[in-house]
C-alpha atoms as a PDB file:
ATOM      1  CA  MET A   1     109.943 107.472 111.688  1.00  0.00           C
ATOM      2  CA  ARG A   2     110.595 103.576 111.234  1.00  0.00           C
ATOM      3  CA  ILE A   3     110.973 102.777 114.456  1.00  0.00           C
ATOM      4  CA  THR A   4     108.607 104.926 116.042  1.00  0.00           C
ATOM      5  CA  LEU A   5     105.529 103.340 113.616  1.00  0.00           C
ATOM      6  CA  SER A   6     106.637  99.672 114.189  1.00  0.00           C
ATOM      7  CA  LYS A   7     106.252 100.686 118.439  1.00  0.00           C
ATOM      8  CA  VAL A   8     103.324 101.958 117.247  1.00  0.00           C
ATOM      9  CA  LYS A   9     102.030  98.967 115.690  1.00  0.00           C
ATOM     10  CA  GLU A  10     103.055  96.980 118.772  1.00  0.00           C
ATOM     11  CA  HIS A  11     101.461  99.042 121.183  1.00  0.00           C
ATOM     12  CA  PRO A  12      99.364 101.711 119.843  1.00  0.00           C
ATOM     13  CA  PRO A  13      98.672 105.061 122.574  1.00  0.00           C
ATOM     14  CA  PRO A  14      95.684 104.815 124.348  1.00  0.00           C
ATOM     15  CA  ALA A  15      94.874 108.245 123.390  1.00  0.00           C
ATOM     16  CA  LEU A  16      93.975 107.191 119.992  1.00  0.00           C
ATOM     17  CA  PRO A  17      90.057 106.758 119.572  1.00  0.00           C
ATOM     18  CA  SER A  18      90.641 104.227 116.554  1.00  0.00           C
ATOM     19  CA  LYS A  19      89.021 100.583 117.028  1.00  0.00           C
ATOM     20  CA  GLU A  20      92.584  98.930 116.231  1.00  0.00           C
ATOM     21  CA  GLY A  21      93.961 100.723 119.103  1.00  0.00           C
ATOM     22  CA  ASN A  22      91.524 100.116 121.713  1.00  0.00           C
ATOM     23  CA  PHE A  23      91.255  96.190 120.664  1.00  0.00           C
ATOM     24  CA  ALA A  24      94.806  96.269 121.196  1.00  0.00           C
ATOM     25  CA  LEU A  25      95.424  97.914 124.264  1.00  0.00           C
ATOM     26  CA  THR A  26      92.861  94.974 125.768  1.00  0.00           C
ATOM     27  CA  GLY A  27      94.781  92.459 124.489  1.00  0.00           C
ATOM     28  CA  LEU A  28      92.371  90.727 121.984  1.00  0.00           C
ATOM     29  CA  GLU A  29      94.860  91.291 119.173  1.00  0.00           C
END
């Protein structure tokens, strides 16, 4: 569980419609 959370925080999947995920994907964050 901890590893999964860490991995998601570092680079969330593009399937997530959340703005945070989008920004991380584009590399703005």
